[in-house]
Amino acid sequence: LLWLACGMLLCLPLIADGFLQLLTPYESTNIKRVLTGIPFGLGLGILMCSMFSARAEAFHGAGQVLLPGNASFTLVRNADQESE
């Protein structure tokens, strides 16, 4: 959970700079884009690594694999599938 929070925190500067440009007449410079893009790339890498860090071979099914945020894979069945 700490890795997920760290990854999201590193993505915030680029997101804030992008929305600031979208909503105001402010325009970012190339240096600011680099300074916000490097933490974003690092944060995105951390997010991807934390999402893929679950080891599926240690579990009997995909539903037992816990992902960041206590998310898991589940098969959702609707009423049409249950009647068949």
PDB file of N, CA and C in Angstrom:
ATOM      1  N   LEU A   1       0.826  -1.189   0.000  1.00  0.00           N
ATOM      2  CA  LEU A   1       0.000   0.000   0.000  1.00  0.00           C
ATOM      3  C   LEU A   1       0.873   1.257   0.000  1.00  0.00           C
ATOM      4  N   LEU A   2       2.024   1.158   0.655  1.00  0.00           N
ATOM      5  CA  LEU A   2       2.942   2.292   0.686  1.00  0.00           C
ATOM      6  C   LEU A   2       3.478   2.591  -0.706  1.00  0.00           C
ATOM      7  N   TRP A   3       3.786   1.543  -1.482  1.00  0.00           N
ATOM      8  CA  TRP A   3       4.291   1.751  -2.845  1.00  0.00           C
ATOM      9  C   TRP A   3       3.242   2.412  -3.718  1.00  0.00           C
ATOM     10  N   LEU A   4       2.001   2.028  -3.545  1.00  0.00           N
ATOM     11  CA  LEU A   4       0.912   2.622  -4.324  1.00  0.00           C
ATOM     12  C   LEU A   4       0.769   4.111  -4.003  1.00  0.00           C
ATOM     13  N   ALA A   5       0.816   4.456  -2.730  1.00  0.00           N
ATOM     14  CA  ALA A   5       0.720   5.864  -2.329  1.00  0.00           C
ATOM     15  C   ALA A   5       1.918   6.660  -2.833  1.00  0.00           C
ATOM     16  N   CYS A   6       3.101   6.065  -2.770  1.00  0.00           N
ATOM     17  CA  CYS A   6       4.312   6.736  -3.250  1.00  0.00           C
ATOM     18  C   CYS A   6       4.228   6.976  -4.754  1.00  0.00           C
ATOM     19  N   GLY A   7       3.771   5.998  -5.500  1.00  0.00           N
ATOM     20  CA  GLY A   7       3.628   6.147  -6.946  1.00  0.00           C
ATOM     21  C   GLY A   7       2.625   7.221  -7.313  1.00  0.00           C
ATOM     22  N   MET A   8       1.510   7.254  -6.601  1.00  0.00           N
ATOM     23  CA  MET A   8       0.493   8.270  -6.886  1.00  0.00           C
ATOM     24  C   MET A   8       0.994   9.667  -6.517  1.00  0.00           C
ATOM     25  N   LEU A   9       1.752   9.762  -5.429  1.00  0.00           N
ATOM     26  CA  LEU A   9       2.301  11.050  -5.012  1.00  0.00           C
ATOM     27  C   LEU A   9       3.276  11.599  -6.052  1.00  0.00           C
ATOM     28  N   LEU A  10       4.071  10.729  -6.651  1.00  0.00           N
ATOM     29  CA  LEU A  10       5.022  11.171  -7.668  1.00  0.00           C
ATOM     30  C   LEU A  10       4.333  11.569  -8.972  1.00  0.00           C
ATOM     31  N   CYS A  11       3.125  11.100  -9.204  1.00  0.00           N
ATOM     32  CA  CYS A  11       2.384  11.463 -10.416  1.00  0.00           C
ATOM     33  C   CYS A  11       1.671  12.809 -10.284  1.00  0.00           C
ATOM     34  N   LEU A  12       1.484  13.283  -9.070  1.00  0.00           N
ATOM     35  CA  LEU A  12       0.714  14.509  -8.848  1.00  0.00           C
ATOM     36  C   LEU A  12       1.289  15.772  -9.504  1.00  0.00           C
ATOM     37  N   PRO A  13       2.620  16.014  -9.503  1.00  0.00           N
ATOM     38  CA  PRO A  13       3.107  17.257 -10.120  1.00  0.00           C
ATOM     39  C   PRO A  13       2.742  17.389 -11.597  1.00  0.00           C
ATOM     40  N   LEU A  14       2.862  16.323 -12.362  1.00  0.00           N
ATOM     41  CA  LEU A  14       2.526  16.385 -13.785  1.00  0.00           C
ATOM     42  C   LEU A  14       1.029  16.591 -13.976  1.00  0.00           C
ATOM     43  N   ILE A  15       0.232  15.918 -13.182  1.00  0.00           N
ATOM     44  CA  ILE A  15      -1.219  16.062 -13.283  1.00  0.00           C
ATOM     45  C   ILE A  15      -1.635  17.491 -12.925  1.00  0.00           C
ATOM     46  N   ALA A  16      -1.050  18.033 -11.855  1.00  0.00           N
ATOM     47  CA  ALA A  16      -1.377  19.405 -11.450  1.00  0.00           C
ATOM     48  C   ALA A  16      -0.951  20.405 -12.518  1.00  0.00           C
ATOM     49  N   ASP A  17       0.240  20.220 -13.086  1.00  0.00           N
ATOM     50  CA  ASP A  17       0.721  21.130 -14.122  1.00  0.00           C
ATOM     51  C   ASP A  17      -0.166  21.050 -15.368  1.00  0.00           C
ATOM     52  N   GLY A  18      -0.581  19.853 -15.729  1.00  0.00           N
ATOM     53  CA  GLY A  18      -1.449  19.689 -16.893  1.00  0.00           C
ATOM     54  C   GLY A  18      -2.802  20.345 -16.712  1.00  0.00           C
ATOM     55  N   PHE A  19      -3.416  20.138 -15.543  1.00  0.00           N
ATOM     56  CA  PHE A  19      -4.717  20.757 -15.301  1.00  0.00           C
ATOM     57  C   PHE A  19      -4.608  22.270 -15.149  1.00  0.00           C
ATOM     58  N   LEU A  20      -3.483  22.743 -14.606  1.00  0.00           N
ATOM     59  CA  LEU A  20      -3.277  24.184 -14.493  1.00  0.00           C
ATOM     60  C   LEU A  20      -3.209  24.823 -15.878  1.00  0.00           C
ATOM     61  N   GLN A  21      -2.555  24.152 -16.819  1.00  0.00           N
ATOM     62  CA  GLN A  21      -2.500  24.659 -18.194  1.00  0.00           C
ATOM     63  C   GLN A  21      -3.865  24.588 -18.868  1.00  0.00           C
ATOM     64  N   LEU A  22      -4.623  23.550 -18.548  1.00  0.00           N
ATOM     65  CA  LEU A  22      -5.933  23.376 -19.162  1.00  0.00           C
ATOM     66  C   LEU A  22      -6.934  24.432 -18.687  1.00  0.00           C
ATOM     67  N   LEU A  23      -6.889  24.754 -17.414  1.00  0.00           N
ATOM     68  CA  LEU A  23      -7.913  25.610 -16.821  1.00  0.00           C
ATOM     69  C   LEU A  23      -7.547  27.090 -16.758  1.00  0.00           C
ATOM     70  N   THR A  24      -6.281  27.431 -16.966  1.00  0.00           N
ATOM     71  CA  THR A  24      -5.840  28.826 -16.887  1.00  0.00           C
ATOM     72  C   THR A  24      -5.025  29.168 -18.130  1.00  0.00           C
ATOM     73  N   PRO A  25      -4.712  30.437 -18.337  1.00  0.00           N
ATOM     74  CA  PRO A  25      -3.871  30.811 -19.479  1.00  0.00           C
ATOM     75  C   PRO A  25      -2.386  30.481 -19.278  1.00  0.00           C
ATOM     76  N   TYR A  26      -2.014  29.922 -18.131  1.00  0.00           N
ATOM     77  CA  TYR A  26      -0.628  29.553 -17.832  1.00  0.00           C
ATOM     78  C   TYR A  26      -0.128  28.511 -18.830  1.00  0.00           C
ATOM     79  N   GLU A  27       1.119  28.658 -19.270  1.00  0.00           N
ATOM     80  CA  GLU A  27       1.724  27.659 -20.147  1.00  0.00           C
ATOM     81  C   GLU A  27       3.069  27.244 -19.563  1.00  0.00           C
ATOM     82  N   SER A  28       3.283  25.960 -19.447  1.00  0.00           N
ATOM     83  CA  SER A  28       4.487  25.412 -18.844  1.00  0.00           C
ATOM     84  C   SER A  28       5.689  25.573 -19.769  1.00  0.00           C
ATOM     85  N   THR A  29       6.878  25.633 -19.180  1.00  0.00           N
ATOM     86  CA  THR A  29       8.113  25.697 -19.968  1.00  0.00           C
ATOM     87  C   THR A  29       8.677  24.290 -20.111  1.00  0.00           C
ATOM     88  N   ASN A  30       9.654  24.137 -20.989  1.00  0.00           N
ATOM     89  CA  ASN A  30      10.259  22.826 -21.204  1.00  0.00           C
ATOM     90  C   ASN A  30      10.936  22.302 -19.942  1.00  0.00           C
ATOM     91  N   ILE A  31      11.566  23.184 -19.189  1.00  0.00           N
ATOM     92  CA  ILE A  31      12.234  22.748 -17.958  1.00  0.00           C
ATOM     93  C   ILE A  31      11.208  22.234 -16.952  1.00  0.00           C
ATOM     94  N   LYS A  32      10.079  22.925 -16.818  1.00  0.00           N
ATOM     95  CA  LYS A  32       9.033  22.453 -15.899  1.00  0.00           C
ATOM     96  C   LYS A  32       8.449  21.128 -16.370  1.00  0.00           C
ATOM     97  N   ARG A  33       8.352  20.946 -17.663  1.00  0.00           N
ATOM     98  CA  ARG A  33       7.836  19.675 -18.185  1.00  0.00           C
ATOM     99  C   ARG A  33       8.783  18.530 -17.857  1.00  0.00           C
ATOM    100  N   VAL A  34      10.079  18.782 -17.966  1.00  0.00           N
ATOM    101  CA  VAL A  34      11.062  17.750 -17.608  1.00  0.00           C
ATOM    102  C   VAL A  34      11.017  17.489 -16.108  1.00  0.00           C
ATOM    103  N   LEU A  35      10.949  18.564 -15.311  1.00  0.00           N
ATOM    104  CA  LEU A  35      10.946  18.414 -13.855  1.00  0.00           C
ATOM    105  C   LEU A  35       9.673  17.755 -13.329  1.00  0.00           C
ATOM    106  N   THR A  36       8.581  17.839 -14.057  1.00  0.00           N
ATOM    107  CA  THR A  36       7.366  17.127 -13.644  1.00  0.00           C
ATOM    108  C   THR A  36       7.269  15.758 -14.316  1.00  0.00           C
ATOM    109  N   GLY A  37       7.889  15.601 -15.478  1.00  0.00           N
ATOM    110  CA  GLY A  37       7.824  14.337 -16.202  1.00  0.00           C
ATOM    111  C   GLY A  37       8.686  13.246 -15.602  1.00  0.00           C
ATOM    112  N   ILE A  38       9.847  13.618 -15.065  1.00  0.00           N
ATOM    113  CA  ILE A  38      10.728  12.610 -14.460  1.00  0.00           C
ATOM    114  C   ILE A  38      10.073  11.959 -13.239  1.00  0.00           C
ATOM    115  N   PRO A  39       9.534  12.735 -12.286  1.00  0.00           N
ATOM    116  CA  PRO A  39       8.834  12.074 -11.175  1.00  0.00           C
ATOM    117  C   PRO A  39       7.612  11.274 -11.638  1.00  0.00           C
ATOM    118  N   PHE A  40       6.922  11.760 -12.681  1.00  0.00           N
ATOM    119  CA  PHE A  40       5.765  11.024 -13.196  1.00  0.00           C
ATOM    120  C   PHE A  40       6.195   9.661 -13.738  1.00  0.00           C
ATOM    121  N   GLY A  41       7.276   9.639 -14.508  1.00  0.00           N
ATOM    122  CA  GLY A  41       7.762   8.368 -15.038  1.00  0.00           C
ATOM    123  C   GLY A  41       8.180   7.416 -13.937  1.00  0.00           C
ATOM    124  N   LEU A  42       8.850   7.940 -12.930  1.00  0.00           N
ATOM    125  CA  LEU A  42       9.246   7.122 -11.790  1.00  0.00           C
ATOM    126  C   LEU A  42       8.009   6.627 -11.038  1.00  0.00           C
ATOM    127  N   GLY A  43       7.058   7.527 -10.812  1.00  0.00           N
ATOM    128  CA  GLY A  43       5.828   7.146 -10.114  1.00  0.00           C
ATOM    129  C   GLY A  43       5.013   6.132 -10.888  1.00  0.00           C
ATOM    130  N   LEU A  44       4.946   6.297 -12.207  1.00  0.00           N
ATOM    131  CA  LEU A  44       4.212   5.339 -13.033  1.00  0.00           C
ATOM    132  C   LEU A  44       4.888   3.970 -12.993  1.00  0.00           C
ATOM    133  N   GLY A  45       6.214   3.967 -12.996  1.00  0.00           N
ATOM    134  CA  GLY A  45       6.949   2.708 -12.864  1.00  0.00           C
ATOM    135  C   GLY A  45       6.677   2.036 -11.535  1.00  0.00           C
ATOM    136  N   ILE A  46       6.646   2.817 -10.457  1.00  0.00           N
ATOM    137  CA  ILE A  46       6.345   2.265  -9.134  1.00  0.00           C
ATOM    138  C   ILE A  46       4.921   1.712  -9.098  1.00  0.00           C
ATOM    139  N   LEU A  47       3.975   2.443  -9.678  1.00  0.00           N
ATOM    140  CA  LEU A  47       2.591   1.953  -9.724  1.00  0.00           C
ATOM    141  C   LEU A  47       2.488   0.641 -10.493  1.00  0.00           C
ATOM    142  N   MET A  48       3.149   0.570 -11.644  1.00  0.00           N
ATOM    143  CA  MET A  48       3.091  -0.653 -12.449  1.00  0.00           C
ATOM    144  C   MET A  48       3.738  -1.822 -11.709  1.00  0.00           C
ATOM    145  N   CYS A  49       4.871  -1.583 -11.069  1.00  0.00           N
ATOM    146  CA  CYS A  49       5.537  -2.652 -10.321  1.00  0.00           C
ATOM    147  C   CYS A  49       4.689  -3.130  -9.151  1.00  0.00           C
ATOM    148  N   SER A  50       4.041  -2.204  -8.462  1.00  0.00           N
ATOM    149  CA  SER A  50       3.208  -2.623  -7.334  1.00  0.00           C
ATOM    150  C   SER A  50       1.979  -3.390  -7.808  1.00  0.00           C
ATOM    151  N   MET A  51       1.480  -3.067  -9.000  1.00  0.00           N
ATOM    152  CA  MET A  51       0.322  -3.794  -9.523  1.00  0.00           C
ATOM    153  C   MET A  51       0.689  -5.203  -9.985  1.00  0.00           C
ATOM    154  N   PHE A  52       1.889  -5.365 -10.504  1.00  0.00           N
ATOM    155  CA  PHE A  52       2.301  -6.675 -11.002  1.00  0.00           C
ATOM    156  C   PHE A  52       3.091  -7.480  -9.985  1.00  0.00           C
ATOM    157  N   SER A  53       3.200  -6.995  -8.746  1.00  0.00           N
ATOM    158  CA  SER A  53       4.040  -7.663  -7.761  1.00  0.00           C
ATOM    159  C   SER A  53       3.400  -8.915  -7.165  1.00  0.00           C
ATOM    160  N   ALA A  54       2.115  -9.104  -7.323  1.00  0.00           N
ATOM    161  CA  ALA A  54       1.463 -10.300  -6.792  1.00  0.00           C
ATOM    162  C   ALA A  54       1.958 -11.524  -7.549  1.00  0.00           C
ATOM    163  N   ARG A  55       2.263 -12.568  -6.828  1.00  0.00           N
ATOM    164  CA  ARG A  55       2.775 -13.792  -7.442  1.00  0.00           C
ATOM    165  C   ARG A  55       1.626 -14.795  -7.596  1.00  0.00           C
ATOM    166  N   ALA A  56       1.127 -14.929  -8.786  1.00  0.00           N
ATOM    167  CA  ALA A  56      -0.047 -15.775  -9.039  1.00  0.00           C
ATOM    168  C   ALA A  56       0.232 -17.251  -8.791  1.00  0.00           C
ATOM    169  N   GLU A  57       1.485 -17.706  -8.967  1.00  0.00           N
ATOM    170  CA  GLU A  57       1.772 -19.132  -8.788  1.00  0.00           C
ATOM    171  C   GLU A  57       1.629 -19.574  -7.331  1.00  0.00           C
ATOM    172  N   ALA A  58       1.588 -18.637  -6.393  1.00  0.00           N
ATOM    173  CA  ALA A  58       1.434 -18.970  -4.983  1.00  0.00           C
ATOM    174  C   ALA A  58      -0.036 -19.166  -4.597  1.00  0.00           C
ATOM    175  N   PHE A  59      -0.952 -19.024  -5.541  1.00  0.00           N
ATOM    176  CA  PHE A  59      -2.378 -19.109  -5.255  1.00  0.00           C
ATOM    177  C   PHE A  59      -3.028 -20.153  -6.155  1.00  0.00           C
ATOM    178  N   HIS A  60      -4.187 -20.663  -5.720  1.00  0.00           N
ATOM    179  CA  HIS A  60      -4.903 -21.681  -6.489  1.00  0.00           C
ATOM    180  C   HIS A  60      -5.737 -21.094  -7.608  1.00  0.00           C
ATOM    181  N   GLY A  61      -6.121 -19.847  -7.497  1.00  0.00           N
ATOM    182  CA  GLY A  61      -6.929 -19.211  -8.529  1.00  0.00           C
ATOM    183  C   GLY A  61      -6.673 -17.720  -8.560  1.00  0.00           C
ATOM    184  N   ALA A  62      -7.090 -17.096  -9.637  1.00  0.00           N
ATOM    185  CA  ALA A  62      -6.858 -15.660  -9.792  1.00  0.00           C
ATOM    186  C   ALA A  62      -7.606 -14.847  -8.747  1.00  0.00           C
ATOM    187  N   GLY A  63      -8.699 -15.348  -8.219  1.00  0.00           N
ATOM    188  CA  GLY A  63      -9.471 -14.625  -7.219  1.00  0.00           C
ATOM    189  C   GLY A  63      -8.778 -14.506  -5.876  1.00  0.00           C
ATOM    190  N   GLN A  64      -7.762 -15.352  -5.625  1.00  0.00           N
ATOM    191  CA  GLN A  64      -7.044 -15.298  -4.359  1.00  0.00           C
ATOM    192  C   GLN A  64      -5.866 -14.332  -4.385  1.00  0.00           C
ATOM    193  N   VAL A  65      -5.494 -13.827  -5.547  1.00  0.00           N
ATOM    194  CA  VAL A  65      -4.378 -12.891  -5.660  1.00  0.00           C
ATOM    195  C   VAL A  65      -4.846 -11.520  -5.196  1.00  0.00           C
ATOM    196  N   LEU A  66      -4.191 -10.978  -4.179  1.00  0.00           N
ATOM    197  CA  LEU A  66      -4.537  -9.646  -3.682  1.00  0.00           C
ATOM    198  C   LEU A  66      -3.648  -8.614  -4.349  1.00  0.00           C
ATOM    199  N   LEU A  67      -4.257  -7.618  -4.926  1.00  0.00           N
ATOM    200  CA  LEU A  67      -3.548  -6.526  -5.578  1.00  0.00           C
ATOM    201  C   LEU A  67      -3.521  -5.323  -4.646  1.00  0.00           C
ATOM    202  N   PRO A  68      -2.754  -4.278  -4.983  1.00  0.00           N
ATOM    203  CA  PRO A  68      -2.745  -3.087  -4.128  1.00  0.00           C
ATOM    204  C   PRO A  68      -4.157  -2.552  -3.898  1.00  0.00           C
ATOM    205  N   GLY A  69      -4.396  -2.075  -2.700  1.00  0.00           N
ATOM    206  CA  GLY A  69      -5.719  -1.573  -2.338  1.00  0.00           C
ATOM    207  C   GLY A  69      -6.686  -2.695  -2.011  1.00  0.00           C
ATOM    208  N   ASN A  70      -6.166  -3.894  -1.719  1.00  0.00           N
ATOM    209  CA  ASN A  70      -6.967  -5.092  -1.438  1.00  0.00           C
ATOM    210  C   ASN A  70      -7.924  -5.439  -2.566  1.00  0.00           C
ATOM    211  N   ALA A  71      -7.565  -5.088  -3.789  1.00  0.00           N
ATOM    212  CA  ALA A  71      -8.368  -5.461  -4.955  1.00  0.00           C
ATOM    213  C   ALA A  71      -8.037  -6.900  -5.334  1.00  0.00           C
ATOM    214  N   SER A  72      -8.962  -7.574  -5.984  1.00  0.00           N
ATOM    215  CA  SER A  72      -8.718  -8.934  -6.456  1.00  0.00           C
ATOM    216  C   SER A  72      -9.525  -9.178  -7.721  1.00  0.00           C
ATOM    217  N   PHE A  73      -9.143 -10.232  -8.424  1.00  0.00           N
ATOM    218  CA  PHE A  73      -9.855 -10.611  -9.637  1.00  0.00           C
ATOM    219  C   PHE A  73     -11.041 -11.483  -9.253  1.00  0.00           C
ATOM    220  N   THR A  74     -12.233 -11.134  -9.710  1.00  0.00           N
ATOM    221  CA  THR A  74     -13.409 -11.955  -9.452  1.00  0.00           C
ATOM    222  C   THR A  74     -14.238 -12.052 -10.721  1.00  0.00           C
ATOM    223  N   LEU A  75     -14.909 -13.157 -10.867  1.00  0.00           N
ATOM    224  CA  LEU A  75     -15.795 -13.369 -11.999  1.00  0.00           C
ATOM    225  C   LEU A  75     -17.202 -12.965 -11.575  1.00  0.00           C
ATOM    226  N   VAL A  76     -17.760 -12.010 -12.257  1.00  0.00           N
ATOM    227  CA  VAL A  76     -19.104 -11.534 -11.934  1.00  0.00           C
ATOM    228  C   VAL A  76     -20.093 -12.274 -12.816  1.00  0.00           C
ATOM    229  N   ARG A  77     -21.076 -12.884 -12.183  1.00  0.00           N
ATOM    230  CA  ARG A  77     -22.103 -13.610 -12.932  1.00  0.00           C
ATOM    231  C   ARG A  77     -23.405 -12.837 -12.862  1.00  0.00           C
ATOM    232  N   ASN A  78     -24.083 -12.801 -13.978  1.00  0.00           N
ATOM    233  CA  ASN A  78     -25.391 -12.148 -13.963  1.00  0.00           C
ATOM    234  C   ASN A  78     -26.486 -13.208 -13.961  1.00  0.00           C
ATOM    235  N   ALA A  79     -27.726 -12.807 -13.872  1.00  0.00           N
ATOM    236  CA  ALA A  79     -28.852 -13.733 -13.748  1.00  0.00           C
ATOM    237  C   ALA A  79     -28.993 -14.631 -14.971  1.00  0.00           C
ATOM    238  N   ASP A  80     -28.653 -14.162 -16.170  1.00  0.00           N
ATOM    239  CA  ASP A  80     -28.767 -14.975 -17.379  1.00  0.00           C
ATOM    240  C   ASP A  80     -27.801 -16.146 -17.354  1.00  0.00           C
ATOM    241  N   GLN A  81     -26.611 -15.946 -16.845  1.00  0.00           N
ATOM    242  CA  GLN A  81     -25.623 -17.017 -16.792  1.00  0.00           C
ATOM    243  C   GLN A  81     -25.987 -18.058 -15.747  1.00  0.00           C
ATOM    244  N   GLU A  82     -26.592 -17.649 -14.633  1.00  0.00           N
ATOM    245  CA  GLU A  82     -26.945 -18.585 -13.579  1.00  0.00           C
ATOM    246  C   GLU A  82     -28.077 -19.510 -13.996  1.00  0.00           C
ATOM    247  N   SER A  83     -28.978 -19.064 -14.875  1.00  0.00           N
ATOM    248  CA  SER A  83     -30.116 -19.882 -15.275  1.00  0.00           C
ATOM    249  C   SER A  83     -29.734 -20.949 -16.294  1.00  0.00           C
ATOM    250  N   GLU A  84     -28.587 -20.821 -16.929  1.00  0.00           N
ATOM    251  CA  GLU A  84     -28.183 -21.801 -17.962  1.00  0.00           C
ATOM    252  C   GLU A  84     -27.657 -23.065 -17.381  1.00  0.00           C
TER     253      GLU A  84
END
